[in-house]
Full PDB file with SEQRES, HELIX, SHEET, SSBOND, CRYST1, ORIGX, SCALE, CONECT and MASTER records, all heavy atoms in Angstrom:
SEQRES   1 A   39  ALA ALA VAL LEU TRP LEU ASP TYR ASP ALA ARG ASP LEU          
SEQRES   2 A   39  LEU HIS GLU ALA ILE SER ALA ARG GLN ALA GLN ASP ALA          
SEQRES   3 A   39  GLY PRO ALA LEU GLN ARG PHE GLN GLU GLY LEU ARG ALA          
HELIX    1 AA1 LEU A   14  GLU A   16  5                                   3    
HELIX    2 AA2 ARG A   21  ARG A   38  1                                  18    
CRYST1    1.000    1.000    1.000  90.00  90.00  90.00 P 1           1          
ORIGX1      1.000000  0.000000  0.000000        0.00000                         
ORIGX2      0.000000  1.000000  0.000000        0.00000                         
ORIGX3      0.000000  0.000000  1.000000        0.00000                         
SCALE1      1.000000  0.000000  0.000000        0.00000                         
SCALE2      0.000000  1.000000  0.000000        0.00000                         
SCALE3      0.000000  0.000000  1.000000        0.00000                         
ATOM      1  N   ALA A   1       0.859  -1.184   0.000  1.00  0.00           N  
ATOM      2  CA  ALA A   1       0.000   0.000   0.000  1.00  0.00           C  
ATOM      3  C   ALA A   1       0.889   1.227   0.000  1.00  0.00           C  
ATOM      4  O   ALA A   1       2.012   1.205   0.524  1.00  0.00           O  
ATOM      5  CB  ALA A   1      -0.931   0.009   1.217  1.00  0.00           C  
ATOM      6  N   ALA A   2       0.411   2.298  -0.606  1.00  0.00           N  
ATOM      7  CA  ALA A   2       1.151   3.562  -0.649  1.00  0.00           C  
ATOM      8  C   ALA A   2       0.230   4.678  -0.182  1.00  0.00           C  
ATOM      9  O   ALA A   2      -0.901   4.797  -0.649  1.00  0.00           O  
ATOM     10  CB  ALA A   2       1.670   3.842  -2.056  1.00  0.00           C  
ATOM     11  N   VAL A   3       0.726   5.500   0.757  1.00  0.00           N  
ATOM     12  CA  VAL A   3      -0.060   6.584   1.334  1.00  0.00           C  
ATOM     13  C   VAL A   3       0.518   7.925   0.901  1.00  0.00           C  
ATOM     14  O   VAL A   3       1.724   8.168   1.037  1.00  0.00           O  
ATOM     15  CB  VAL A   3      -0.056   6.511   2.877  1.00  0.00           C  
ATOM     16  CG1 VAL A   3      -0.919   7.627   3.470  1.00  0.00           C  
ATOM     17  CG2 VAL A   3      -0.527   5.155   3.364  1.00  0.00           C  
ATOM     18  N   LEU A   4      -0.325   8.787   0.366  1.00  0.00           N  
ATOM     19  CA  LEU A   4       0.038  10.185   0.152  1.00  0.00           C  
ATOM     20  C   LEU A   4      -0.301  10.944   1.431  1.00  0.00           C  
ATOM     21  O   LEU A   4      -1.471  11.033   1.802  1.00  0.00           O  
ATOM     22  CB  LEU A   4      -0.724  10.773  -1.036  1.00  0.00           C  
ATOM     23  CG  LEU A   4      -0.671  12.303  -1.169  1.00  0.00           C  
ATOM     24  CD1 LEU A   4       0.752  12.777  -1.435  1.00  0.00           C  
ATOM     25  CD2 LEU A   4      -1.624  12.787  -2.248  1.00  0.00           C  
ATOM     26  N   TRP A   5       0.733  11.455   2.112  1.00  0.00           N  
ATOM     27  CA  TRP A   5       0.508  12.203   3.359  1.00  0.00           C  
ATOM     28  C   TRP A   5       0.782  13.675   3.093  1.00  0.00           C  
ATOM     29  O   TRP A   5       1.933  14.096   3.014  1.00  0.00           O  
ATOM     30  CB  TRP A   5       1.407  11.683   4.471  1.00  0.00           C  
ATOM     31  CG  TRP A   5       1.073  12.252   5.827  1.00  0.00           C  
ATOM     32  CD1 TRP A   5       0.153  11.757   6.721  1.00  0.00           C  
ATOM     33  CD2 TRP A   5       1.641  13.421   6.444  1.00  0.00           C  
ATOM     34  NE1 TRP A   5       0.113  12.555   7.854  1.00  0.00           N  
ATOM     35  CE2 TRP A   5       1.015  13.582   7.704  1.00  0.00           C  
ATOM     36  CE3 TRP A   5       2.605  14.343   6.055  1.00  0.00           C  
ATOM     37  CZ2 TRP A   5       1.336  14.618   8.584  1.00  0.00           C  
ATOM     38  CZ3 TRP A   5       2.920  15.398   6.924  1.00  0.00           C  
ATOM     39  CH2 TRP A   5       2.289  15.517   8.168  1.00  0.00           C  
ATOM     40  N   LEU A   6      -0.273  14.439   2.940  1.00  0.00           N  
ATOM     41  CA  LEU A   6      -0.169  15.875   2.732  1.00  0.00           C  
ATOM     42  C   LEU A   6      -1.008  16.569   3.806  1.00  0.00           C  
ATOM     43  O   LEU A   6      -2.009  17.213   3.541  1.00  0.00           O  
ATOM     44  CB  LEU A   6      -0.634  16.247   1.324  1.00  0.00           C  
ATOM     45  CG  LEU A   6      -0.525  17.722   0.917  1.00  0.00           C  
ATOM     46  CD1 LEU A   6       0.871  18.273   1.194  1.00  0.00           C  
ATOM     47  CD2 LEU A   6      -0.877  17.908  -0.540  1.00  0.00           C  
ATOM     48  N   ASP A   7      -0.589  16.369   5.047  1.00  0.00           N  
ATOM     49  CA  ASP A   7      -1.309  16.934   6.181  1.00  0.00           C  
ATOM     50  C   ASP A   7      -0.459  18.023   6.834  1.00  0.00           C  
ATOM     51  O   ASP A   7      -0.344  18.096   8.052  1.00  0.00           O  
ATOM     52  CB  ASP A   7      -1.648  15.833   7.192  1.00  0.00           C  
ATOM     53  CG  ASP A   7      -2.722  16.284   8.176  1.00  0.00           C  
ATOM     54  OD1 ASP A   7      -3.374  17.313   7.920  1.00  0.00           O  
ATOM     55  OD2 ASP A   7      -2.910  15.612   9.209  1.00  0.00           O  
ATOM     56  N   TYR A   8       0.172  18.829   5.989  1.00  0.00           N  
ATOM     57  CA  TYR A   8       0.931  19.965   6.504  1.00  0.00           C  
ATOM     58  C   TYR A   8       0.850  21.101   5.496  1.00  0.00           C  
ATOM     59  O   TYR A   8       0.396  20.920   4.360  1.00  0.00           O  
ATOM     60  CB  TYR A   8       2.386  19.569   6.786  1.00  0.00           C  
ATOM     61  CG  TYR A   8       3.311  19.529   5.595  1.00  0.00           C  
ATOM     62  CD1 TYR A   8       4.241  20.544   5.382  1.00  0.00           C  
ATOM     63  CD2 TYR A   8       3.282  18.483   4.670  1.00  0.00           C  
ATOM     64  CE1 TYR A   8       5.108  20.517   4.298  1.00  0.00           C  
ATOM     65  CE2 TYR A   8       4.154  18.445   3.590  1.00  0.00           C  
ATOM     66  CZ  TYR A   8       5.059  19.471   3.398  1.00  0.00           C  
ATOM     67  OH  TYR A   8       5.910  19.434   2.328  1.00  0.00           O  
ATOM     68  N   ASP A   9       1.295  22.275   5.919  1.00  0.00           N  
ATOM     69  CA  ASP A   9       1.192  23.468   5.086  1.00  0.00           C  
ATOM     70  C   ASP A   9       2.403  23.547   4.179  1.00  0.00           C  
ATOM     71  O   ASP A   9       3.428  24.153   4.517  1.00  0.00           O  
ATOM     72  CB  ASP A   9       1.109  24.706   5.982  1.00  0.00           C  
ATOM     73  CG  ASP A   9       0.906  25.987   5.201  1.00  0.00           C  
ATOM     74  OD1 ASP A   9       0.495  25.900   4.021  1.00  0.00           O  
ATOM     75  OD2 ASP A   9       1.148  27.075   5.758  1.00  0.00           O  
ATOM     76  N   ALA A  10       2.320  22.891   3.025  1.00  0.00           N  
ATOM     77  CA  ALA A  10       3.427  22.916   2.065  1.00  0.00           C  
ATOM     78  C   ALA A  10       3.494  24.300   1.414  1.00  0.00           C  
ATOM     79  O   ALA A  10       2.485  24.833   0.954  1.00  0.00           O  
ATOM     80  CB  ALA A  10       3.233  21.834   1.007  1.00  0.00           C  
ATOM     81  N   ARG A  11       4.680  24.870   1.376  1.00  0.00           N  
ATOM     82  CA  ARG A  11       4.857  26.220   0.842  1.00  0.00           C  
ATOM     83  C   ARG A  11       4.775  26.243  -0.687  1.00  0.00           C  
ATOM     84  O   ARG A  11       5.133  25.270  -1.349  1.00  0.00           O  
ATOM     85  CB  ARG A  11       6.203  26.791   1.280  1.00  0.00           C  
ATOM     86  CG  ARG A  11       6.345  26.892   2.790  1.00  0.00           C  
ATOM     87  CD  ARG A  11       5.490  28.023   3.365  1.00  0.00           C  
ATOM     88  NE  ARG A  11       4.074  27.667   3.522  1.00  0.00           N  
ATOM     89  CZ  ARG A  11       3.118  28.533   3.824  1.00  0.00           C  
ATOM     90  NH1 ARG A  11       3.424  29.810   3.977  1.00  0.00           N  
ATOM     91  NH2 ARG A  11       1.882  28.142   3.959  1.00  0.00           N  
ATOM     92  N   ASP A  12       4.336  27.390  -1.220  1.00  0.00           N  
ATOM     93  CA  ASP A  12       4.186  27.539  -2.667  1.00  0.00           C  
ATOM     94  C   ASP A  12       5.357  28.269  -3.307  1.00  0.00           C  
ATOM     95  O   ASP A  12       5.686  28.024  -4.467  1.00  0.00           O  
ATOM     96  CB  ASP A  12       2.908  28.311  -2.993  1.00  0.00           C  
ATOM     97  CG  ASP A  12       1.667  27.439  -2.845  1.00  0.00           C  
ATOM     98  OD1 ASP A  12       1.805  26.220  -3.001  1.00  0.00           O  
ATOM     99  OD2 ASP A  12       0.597  27.973  -2.565  1.00  0.00           O  
ATOM    100  N   LEU A  13       5.959  29.186  -2.572  1.00  0.00           N  
ATOM    101  CA  LEU A  13       6.983  30.050  -3.154  1.00  0.00           C  
ATOM    102  C   LEU A  13       8.348  29.753  -2.546  1.00  0.00           C  
ATOM    103  O   LEU A  13       8.455  29.344  -1.383  1.00  0.00           O  
ATOM    104  CB  LEU A  13       6.628  31.524  -2.925  1.00  0.00           C  
ATOM    105  CG  LEU A  13       5.260  31.956  -3.487  1.00  0.00           C  
ATOM    106  CD1 LEU A  13       4.957  33.387  -3.096  1.00  0.00           C  
ATOM    107  CD2 LEU A  13       5.237  31.789  -5.004  1.00  0.00           C  
ATOM    108  N   LEU A  14       9.387  29.988  -3.349  1.00  0.00           N  
ATOM    109  CA  LEU A  14      10.736  29.652  -2.924  1.00  0.00           C  
ATOM    110  C   LEU A  14      11.133  30.397  -1.662  1.00  0.00           C  
ATOM    111  O   LEU A  14      11.739  29.821  -0.747  1.00  0.00           O  
ATOM    112  CB  LEU A  14      11.725  29.952  -4.056  1.00  0.00           C  
ATOM    113  CG  LEU A  14      13.189  29.565  -3.798  1.00  0.00           C  
ATOM    114  CD1 LEU A  14      13.290  28.070  -3.534  1.00  0.00           C  
ATOM    115  CD2 LEU A  14      14.057  29.972  -4.975  1.00  0.00           C  
ATOM    116  N   HIS A  15      10.781  31.686  -1.573  1.00  0.00           N  
ATOM    117  CA  HIS A  15      11.200  32.448  -0.391  1.00  0.00           C  
ATOM    118  C   HIS A  15      10.493  31.958   0.868  1.00  0.00           C  
ATOM    119  O   HIS A  15      10.972  32.192   1.979  1.00  0.00           O  
ATOM    120  CB  HIS A  15      10.946  33.945  -0.619  1.00  0.00           C  
ATOM    121  CG  HIS A  15       9.498  34.343  -0.519  1.00  0.00           C  
ATOM    122  ND1 HIS A  15       8.648  34.302  -1.605  1.00  0.00           N  
ATOM    123  CD2 HIS A  15       8.749  34.769   0.533  1.00  0.00           C  
ATOM    124  CE1 HIS A  15       7.442  34.713  -1.229  1.00  0.00           C  
ATOM    125  NE2 HIS A  15       7.476  34.996   0.060  1.00  0.00           N  
ATOM    126  N   GLU A  16       9.337  31.274   0.701  1.00  0.00           N  
ATOM    127  CA  GLU A  16       8.653  30.711   1.859  1.00  0.00           C  
ATOM    128  C   GLU A  16       9.278  29.397   2.303  1.00  0.00           C  
ATOM    129  O   GLU A  16       9.155  29.002   3.459  1.00  0.00           O  
ATOM    130  CB  GLU A  16       7.177  30.469   1.534  1.00  0.00           C  
ATOM    131  CG  GLU A  16       6.395  31.733   1.229  1.00  0.00           C  
ATOM    132  CD  GLU A  16       4.972  31.423   0.785  1.00  0.00           C  
ATOM    133  OE1 GLU A  16       4.767  30.440   0.060  1.00  0.00           O  
ATOM    134  OE2 GLU A  16       4.062  32.174   1.183  1.00  0.00           O  
ATOM    135  N   ALA A  17       9.938  28.709   1.370  1.00  0.00           N  
ATOM    136  CA  ALA A  17      10.492  27.390   1.662  1.00  0.00           C  
ATOM    137  C   ALA A  17      11.898  27.446   2.235  1.00  0.00           C  
ATOM    138  O   ALA A  17      12.510  26.400   2.457  1.00  0.00           O  
ATOM    139  CB  ALA A  17      10.492  26.541   0.385  1.00  0.00           C  
ATOM    140  N   ILE A  18      12.423  28.648   2.492  1.00  0.00           N  
ATOM    141  CA  ILE A  18      13.772  28.726   3.054  1.00  0.00           C  
ATOM    142  C   ILE A  18      13.766  28.547   4.566  1.00  0.00           C  
ATOM    143  O   ILE A  18      14.827  28.471   5.181  1.00  0.00           O  
ATOM    144  CB  ILE A  18      14.440  30.067   2.682  1.00  0.00           C  
ATOM    145  CG1 ILE A  18      13.665  31.233   3.297  1.00  0.00           C  
ATOM    146  CG2 ILE A  18      14.561  30.200   1.174  1.00  0.00           C  
ATOM    147  CD1 ILE A  18      14.338  32.586   3.066  1.00  0.00           C  
ATOM    148  N   SER A  19      12.587  28.481   5.170  1.00  0.00           N  
ATOM    149  CA  SER A  19      12.470  28.288   6.610  1.00  0.00           C  
ATOM    150  C   SER A  19      12.100  26.838   6.922  1.00  0.00           C  
ATOM    151  O   SER A  19      11.356  26.198   6.181  1.00  0.00           O  
ATOM    152  CB  SER A  19      11.397  29.219   7.175  1.00  0.00           C  
ATOM    153  OG  SER A  19      11.075  28.867   8.509  1.00  0.00           O  
ATOM    154  N   ALA A  20      12.628  26.341   8.043  1.00  0.00           N  
ATOM    155  CA  ALA A  20      12.298  24.980   8.486  1.00  0.00           C  
ATOM    156  C   ALA A  20      11.045  24.948   9.347  1.00  0.00           C  
ATOM    157  O   ALA A  20      10.660  23.880   9.826  1.00  0.00           O  
ATOM    158  CB  ALA A  20      13.478  24.393   9.262  1.00  0.00           C  
ATOM    159  N   ARG A  21      10.389  26.090   9.537  1.00  0.00           N  
ATOM    160  CA  ARG A  21       9.261  26.137  10.471  1.00  0.00           C  
ATOM    161  C   ARG A  21       8.127  25.215  10.063  1.00  0.00           C  
ATOM    162  O   ARG A  21       7.540  24.529  10.901  1.00  0.00           O  
ATOM    163  CB  ARG A  21       8.743  27.576  10.592  1.00  0.00           C  
ATOM    164  CG  ARG A  21       7.601  27.717  11.603  1.00  0.00           C  
ATOM    165  CD  ARG A  21       7.153  29.162  11.727  1.00  0.00           C  
ATOM    166  NE  ARG A  21       6.681  29.691  10.462  1.00  0.00           N  
ATOM    167  CZ  ARG A  21       5.445  29.486   9.996  1.00  0.00           C  
ATOM    168  NH1 ARG A  21       4.589  28.731  10.668  1.00  0.00           N  
ATOM    169  NH2 ARG A  21       5.075  30.012   8.847  1.00  0.00           N  
ATOM    170  N   GLN A  22       7.779  25.187   8.771  1.00  0.00           N  
ATOM    171  CA  GLN A  22       6.676  24.324   8.338  1.00  0.00           C  
ATOM    172  C   GLN A  22       7.007  22.853   8.592  1.00  0.00           C  
ATOM    173  O   GLN A  22       6.138  22.072   8.967  1.00  0.00           O  
ATOM    174  CB  GLN A  22       6.373  24.548   6.853  1.00  0.00           C  
ATOM    175  CG  GLN A  22       5.656  25.844   6.530  1.00  0.00           C  
ATOM    176  CD  GLN A  22       6.592  27.034   6.553  1.00  0.00           C  
ATOM    177  OE1 GLN A  22       7.799  26.878   6.384  1.00  0.00           O  
ATOM    178  NE2 GLN A  22       6.052  28.213   6.779  1.00  0.00           N  
ATOM    179  N   ALA A  23       8.265  22.483   8.376  1.00  0.00           N  
ATOM    180  CA  ALA A  23       8.672  21.101   8.640  1.00  0.00           C  
ATOM    181  C   ALA A  23       8.568  20.781  10.123  1.00  0.00           C  
ATOM    182  O   ALA A  23       8.118  19.697  10.519  1.00  0.00           O  
ATOM    183  CB  ALA A  23      10.098  20.873   8.134  1.00  0.00           C  
ATOM    184  N   GLN A  24       8.981  21.722  10.959  1.00  0.00           N  
ATOM    185  CA  GLN A  24       8.891  21.499  12.400  1.00  0.00           C  
ATOM    186  C   GLN A  24       7.435  21.414  12.852  1.00  0.00           C  
ATOM    187  O   GLN A  24       7.091  20.579  13.705  1.00  0.00           O  
ATOM    188  CB  GLN A  24       9.620  22.632  13.127  1.00  0.00           C  
ATOM    189  CG  GLN A  24      11.120  22.644  12.884  1.00  0.00           C  
ATOM    190  CD  GLN A  24      11.774  23.956  13.280  1.00  0.00           C  
ATOM    191  OE1 GLN A  24      11.091  24.937  13.613  1.00  0.00           O  
ATOM    192  NE2 GLN A  24      13.101  23.999  13.210  1.00  0.00           N  
ATOM    193  N   ASP A  25       6.585  22.262  12.279  1.00  0.00           N  
ATOM    194  CA  ASP A  25       5.162  22.230  12.645  1.00  0.00           C  
ATOM    195  C   ASP A  25       4.498  20.928  12.230  1.00  0.00           C  
ATOM    196  O   ASP A  25       3.559  20.463  12.873  1.00  0.00           O  
ATOM    197  CB  ASP A  25       4.430  23.408  11.996  1.00  0.00           C  
ATOM    198  CG  ASP A  25       4.839  24.757  12.583  1.00  0.00           C  
ATOM    199  OD1 ASP A  25       5.467  24.758  13.664  1.00  0.00           O  
ATOM    200  OD2 ASP A  25       4.552  25.789  11.943  1.00  0.00           O  
ATOM    201  N   ALA A  26       4.976  20.334  11.133  1.00  0.00           N  
ATOM    202  CA  ALA A  26       4.367  19.103  10.623  1.00  0.00           C  
ATOM    203  C   ALA A  26       4.761  17.878  11.434  1.00  0.00           C  
ATOM    204  O   ALA A  26       4.077  16.848  11.376  1.00  0.00           O  
ATOM    205  CB  ALA A  26       4.768  18.890   9.161  1.00  0.00           C  
ATOM    206  N   GLY A  27       5.846  17.963  12.188  1.00  0.00           N  
ATOM    207  CA  GLY A  27       6.400  16.797  12.875  1.00  0.00           C  
ATOM    208  C   GLY A  27       5.432  16.018  13.742  1.00  0.00           C  
ATOM    209  O   GLY A  27       5.300  14.795  13.593  1.00  0.00           O  
ATOM    210  N   PRO A  28       4.742  16.656  14.685  1.00  0.00           N  
ATOM    211  CA  PRO A  28       3.840  15.891  15.559  1.00  0.00           C  
ATOM    212  C   PRO A  28       2.758  15.131  14.798  1.00  0.00           C  
ATOM    213  O   PRO A  28       2.429  13.999  15.143  1.00  0.00           O  
ATOM    214  CB  PRO A  28       3.240  16.969  16.471  1.00  0.00           C  
ATOM    215  CG  PRO A  28       4.275  18.056  16.510  1.00  0.00           C  
ATOM    216  CD  PRO A  28       4.855  18.070  15.123  1.00  0.00           C  
ATOM    217  N   ALA A  29       2.205  15.752  13.741  1.00  0.00           N  
ATOM    218  CA  ALA A  29       1.141  15.087  12.974  1.00  0.00           C  
ATOM    219  C   ALA A  29       1.678  13.873  12.227  1.00  0.00           C  
ATOM    220  O   ALA A  29       1.033  12.811  12.200  1.00  0.00           O  
ATOM    221  CB  ALA A  29       0.500  16.067  12.002  1.00  0.00           C  
ATOM    222  N   LEU A  30       2.863  13.999  11.609  1.00  0.00           N  
ATOM    223  CA  LEU A  30       3.435  12.859  10.884  1.00  0.00           C  
ATOM    224  C   LEU A  30       3.818  11.744  11.847  1.00  0.00           C  
ATOM    225  O   LEU A  30       3.606  10.560  11.554  1.00  0.00           O  
ATOM    226  CB  LEU A  30       4.654  13.313  10.084  1.00  0.00           C  
ATOM    227  CG  LEU A  30       5.381  12.222   9.278  1.00  0.00           C  
ATOM    228  CD1 LEU A  30       4.429  11.539   8.295  1.00  0.00           C  
ATOM    229  CD2 LEU A  30       6.571  12.811   8.543  1.00  0.00           C  
ATOM    230  N   GLN A  31       4.353  12.117  12.997  1.00  0.00           N  
ATOM    231  CA  GLN A  31       4.715  11.104  13.994  1.00  0.00           C  
ATOM    232  C   GLN A  31       3.484  10.337  14.470  1.00  0.00           C  
ATOM    233  O   GLN A  31       3.502   9.106  14.571  1.00  0.00           O  
ATOM    234  CB  GLN A  31       5.417  11.777  15.178  1.00  0.00           C  
ATOM    235  CG  GLN A  31       5.998  10.807  16.188  1.00  0.00           C  
ATOM    236  CD  GLN A  31       5.055  10.512  17.349  1.00  0.00           C  
ATOM    237  OE1 GLN A  31       4.069  11.223  17.549  1.00  0.00           O  
ATOM    238  NE2 GLN A  31       5.324   9.454  18.084  1.00  0.00           N  
ATOM    239  N   ARG A  32       2.382  11.048  14.736  1.00  0.00           N  
ATOM    240  CA  ARG A  32       1.149  10.388  15.175  1.00  0.00           C  
ATOM    241  C   ARG A  32       0.578   9.498  14.078  1.00  0.00           C  
ATOM    242  O   ARG A  32       0.072   8.409  14.359  1.00  0.00           O  
ATOM    243  CB  ARG A  32       0.099  11.436  15.584  1.00  0.00           C  
ATOM    244  CG  ARG A  32       0.301  12.054  16.954  1.00  0.00           C  
ATOM    245  CD  ARG A  32      -0.838  13.013  17.276  1.00  0.00           C  
ATOM    246  NE  ARG A  32      -2.115  12.311  17.235  1.00  0.00           N  
ATOM    247  CZ  ARG A  32      -2.647  11.671  18.267  1.00  0.00           C  
ATOM    248  NH1 ARG A  32      -2.004  11.617  19.424  1.00  0.00           N  
ATOM    249  NH2 ARG A  32      -3.822  11.079  18.160  1.00  0.00           N  
ATOM    250  N   PHE A  33       0.652   9.972  12.845  1.00  0.00           N  
ATOM    251  CA  PHE A  33       0.101   9.166  11.748  1.00  0.00           C  
ATOM    252  C   PHE A  33       0.831   7.838  11.640  1.00  0.00           C  
ATOM    253  O   PHE A  33       0.202   6.784  11.497  1.00  0.00           O  
ATOM    254  CB  PHE A  33       0.192   9.941  10.432  1.00  0.00           C  
ATOM    255  CG  PHE A  33      -0.336   9.167   9.257  1.00  0.00           C  
ATOM    256  CD1 PHE A  33      -1.700   9.012   9.068  1.00  0.00           C  
ATOM    257  CD2 PHE A  33       0.534   8.565   8.351  1.00  0.00           C  
ATOM    258  CE1 PHE A  33      -2.192   8.283   7.992  1.00  0.00           C  
ATOM    259  CE2 PHE A  33       0.044   7.836   7.282  1.00  0.00           C  
ATOM    260  CZ  PHE A  33      -1.317   7.696   7.103  1.00  0.00           C  
ATOM    261  N   GLN A  34       2.153   7.876  11.701  1.00  0.00           N  
ATOM    262  CA  GLN A  34       2.910   6.629  11.602  1.00  0.00           C  
ATOM    263  C   GLN A  34       2.652   5.720  12.793  1.00  0.00           C  
ATOM    264  O   GLN A  34       2.546   4.494  12.645  1.00  0.00           O  
ATOM    265  CB  GLN A  34       4.405   6.933  11.487  1.00  0.00           C  
ATOM    266  CG  GLN A  34       4.823   7.462  10.123  1.00  0.00           C  
ATOM    267  CD  GLN A  34       4.550   6.481   8.999  1.00  0.00           C  
ATOM    268  OE1 GLN A  34       3.824   6.795   8.051  1.00  0.00           O  
ATOM    269  NE2 GLN A  34       5.100   5.285   9.074  1.00  0.00           N  
ATOM    270  N   GLU A  35       2.500   6.291  13.968  1.00  0.00           N  
ATOM    271  CA  GLU A  35       2.135   5.485  15.136  1.00  0.00           C  
ATOM    272  C   GLU A  35       0.758   4.854  14.940  1.00  0.00           C  
ATOM    273  O   GLU A  35       0.516   3.716  15.340  1.00  0.00           O  
ATOM    274  CB  GLU A  35       2.144   6.350  16.401  1.00  0.00           C  
ATOM    275  CG  GLU A  35       3.510   6.827  16.842  1.00  0.00           C  
ATOM    276  CD  GLU A  35       4.364   5.716  17.439  1.00  0.00           C  
ATOM    277  OE1 GLU A  35       3.815   4.633  17.743  1.00  0.00           O  
ATOM    278  OE2 GLU A  35       5.578   5.924  17.599  1.00  0.00           O  
ATOM    279  N   GLY A  36      -0.139   5.611  14.309  1.00  0.00           N  
ATOM    280  CA  GLY A  36      -1.465   5.078  14.035  1.00  0.00           C  
ATOM    281  C   GLY A  36      -1.432   3.907  13.076  1.00  0.00           C  
ATOM    282  O   GLY A  36      -2.173   2.931  13.239  1.00  0.00           O  
ATOM    283  N   LEU A  37      -0.567   3.975  12.043  1.00  0.00           N  
ATOM    284  CA  LEU A  37      -0.441   2.848  11.116  1.00  0.00           C  
ATOM    285  C   LEU A  37       0.018   1.596  11.848  1.00  0.00           C  
ATOM    286  O   LEU A  37      -0.450   0.489  11.557  1.00  0.00           O  
ATOM    287  CB  LEU A  37       0.545   3.194   9.996  1.00  0.00           C  
ATOM    288  CG  LEU A  37       0.100   4.233   8.959  1.00  0.00           C  
ATOM    289  CD1 LEU A  37       1.193   4.433   7.916  1.00  0.00           C  
ATOM    290  CD2 LEU A  37      -1.204   3.816   8.281  1.00  0.00           C  
ATOM    291  N   ARG A  38       0.938   1.750  12.779  1.00  0.00           N  
ATOM    292  CA  ARG A  38       1.394   0.610  13.564  1.00  0.00           C  
ATOM    293  C   ARG A  38       0.254   0.051  14.423  1.00  0.00           C  
ATOM    294  O   ARG A  38       0.068  -1.164  14.542  1.00  0.00           O  
ATOM    295  CB  ARG A  38       2.548   1.026  14.481  1.00  0.00           C  
ATOM    296  CG  ARG A  38       3.857   1.334  13.775  1.00  0.00           C  
ATOM    297  CD  ARG A  38       4.572   0.096  13.338  1.00  0.00           C  
ATOM    298  NE  ARG A  38       5.988   0.341  13.063  1.00  0.00           N  
ATOM    299  CZ  ARG A  38       6.685  -0.311  12.167  1.00  0.00           C  
ATOM    300  NH1 ARG A  38       6.104  -1.221  11.392  1.00  0.00           N  
ATOM    301  NH2 ARG A  38       7.974  -0.053  11.991  1.00  0.00           N  
ATOM    302  N   ALA A  39      -0.514   0.957  15.039  1.00  0.00           N  
ATOM    303  CA  ALA A  39      -1.551   0.537  15.983  1.00  0.00           C  
ATOM    304  C   ALA A  39      -2.702  -0.189  15.301  1.00  0.00           C  
ATOM    305  O   ALA A  39      -3.288  -1.112  15.879  1.00  0.00           O  
ATOM    306  CB  ALA A  39      -2.085   1.753  16.745  1.00  0.00           C  
TER     307      ALA A  39                                                      
MASTER        0    0    0    2    0    0    0    6  306    1    0    3          
END                                                                             
């Protein structure tokens, strides 16, 4: 099975993607999702 996980605010513009903040904000949700797959 293959899952598309797009449950975070992916940036549209290059100047917005120079910050790691969106990646850091996405962390808890991605971690919970993977734990859910295990459970």
